[in-house]
Amino acid sequence: MNIKELQAEINATYQIYAQIENSVEQDIIKKLLNLIEQVASDNESLEAEIQHLRDEVSRLKGEQGKPDIKPNKKNRKPADISSEEERKKAAADANRNEGTENPKKRARKPKLSKMKIDQIKICPLDKAGLPDDLISKGYTDITVQDIIIKSNTIRYRRETYYSPSENKSYYGALPEGVKNQGEYGIGVRSLIPVLKTACRMTEKPIIEFFQNFGIVLSPTYLSQQWTGGYDWGHQEKSDLYYQGILNSDYAQIDDTSARVNGNNHYCQVVCNPLFTAYFTSQKKDRLSVLEILTDYAPSQYLYNHQAKSLLDTLKLANKTRSAVEAELPADTVMNEMQFAGHLAKIDTLGAGQLTKITEACAIAHYQQQTSFPVIDTLLADDAPQFKLLTKHMGLCWVHDARHYKKLRPVLKINQRILANFRGEYWAYYAELLEYQQAPAPDKKERLTKQFDEIFATVTDYGDLNDRIAKTLAKKVELLRILDLPELPLHNNASELAARVQARVRDISFQTRSDAGTKIKDTFMSINETAKKLGVSFYDYVYDRVSGEFRLPSLADLIIQKAHALPA
């Protein structure tokens, strides 16, 4: 029996159910219908898993799996779990309620103010054959953008003198920016990061690009320059990351996969409206994320009241707690070696227990240390590695909404129940958006009560009830916006930033060394932050490569922008 036949049978059964007046019988049939919904959902998941296994078997046999043929656009909605369409509609509704412009209308911004005029040419009027009474009205301007790309190869002839008495030669000095920089000038060395990062080009196309303009570039030089010629950028990244966290009340985080020399890694993205920073690590567990939040400062640990509270949350066994209490010095900061030495004396610790104790003490130290700015509120999806790290956490409403869109009820009445609830869900989301624009204590109280009412709903659709209960359990994190209105309701900013790494992965597949991975993260961070601050990436790199340092650092611009933002 296929899904359509099953739906027909269930809907026919529901018609009988609707005519029954006995409440006991109704409850029995309701449970049976929900059981069928659950079985149908499980069956769909199993079919997908079976197909995946069949494809894997085919690949192991040297054959091809089932081709992934995308459906036509108009038929794609049933399988689409993205909530962006509903989110944008809710945002549009909120804007209309506030009397602002519908965001669907494309807001065209003038380009002329952003252009740099390099030349002005007069186009005279040929007056031959025109009336004698012409009156001058000045000029009508038309701006045409163009670019000139050409080589600028210079042969420096260094005056040379030899001293027989000293057996030594003396040479004329090379200009700054050329001296001790090899055989390529500032322009070439500045363009390599732009082509690599902003244009996402691999080495071969970059070499071909330069060859088209008469610049002979070897793969060896390009690789060595990329991994070892821009060390100044690492400090720039650290500085912008420091100031970006210091000058904001929150940060957003997300991760995506990365490959380093044939091994799976993870690229973490930390951002807010002031900056975007990328960090590639071997793991994505809680301790790895904590290292990133401190920009890889040396690990330190503290066993204090907060660590004890975290061990309660992590549900460490009482017997182990007693051993930890007896061994770890209270309220004393420990480095990696000291902490490991104390834990080594507790010979009953398993790997899971050791991880919990390490996480609790590392987080406790992070939240009280003053050497690096502490993130007060972290906005993320519901991944476990992001939890407990900061004092407050906000969750993404769009991620939560995707779980509702994954529900696939076969009973028509359940389809209507789900559709109605999702309508309430996004209507409430629109009200939260309005609150962001004009927060007030009375609105906060009303929205809190409204959340309890909506997510205390009990329907005849069991799977929906389970999902509603899970959302209710995240009330504090989802309603963090009521205390911090500037906090976004969704995590789109970090997801979009993660796509930058995804596109790099699609094009280059992997980095081959730690140095290559580090410079990739550094220039992605500088490029994406420069965009947010309205700075030309090329101009910035050129300024640093030339050694002029006329442009203010991105860290300084972050401070300026933070002070300019409304309080």
Foldseek 3Di string as FASTA:
>chain_A
DDLVVVLVVLQVVVVVLVPDDDVVVNVVVLVVQLVVLVVVLVVVVVVVVVLVVQQVVQVVVVHGGDDPDDDPPVPCQLVDLFCVVLQLVLQQVLCVVVVHDRPVDDDDDDDPVVDDDDDDDDDDDDCVPHDPPDDDPDDDDDDDDDDDDADDQDDDDWDKDADPVVRDMDTHDDDFQPPPPPRDGLQLLLVLLCCCAVVVDDQVVSQVVVVVRPDHDDSVVSVCCLLPVPPVLLVLLVLQLQLQQVLDQAKEKDKDWADEQRAIWIWMWIGDLQFIFIDIGRDLAQVVVLCVNQVNDFFKFAAEPQLVVLCVVVVDDPVVVVLCVVQDDHGDIGGPVVVVVSVVVVVPDDPVNVVSSSSSGRLVCLAPDDPGRARAEYEYAPDPSPPPNHVYYAYAPSNLSSVLSSSDGSHVVVVVVSVVLVVVSSNLVSLLVSCLVPPDPVSLVVSLVVLCVSLVDDDSNVVVVVSSVVVVVCSRRQSVCNVVSVDDNHSVVNVVLNVSVVVSCVNVVHHHDPSSVSSNRSSSRQVRSCVSLVHDSSVVSSCVSSVVCPDDRSSVSSVVVSVVDDD
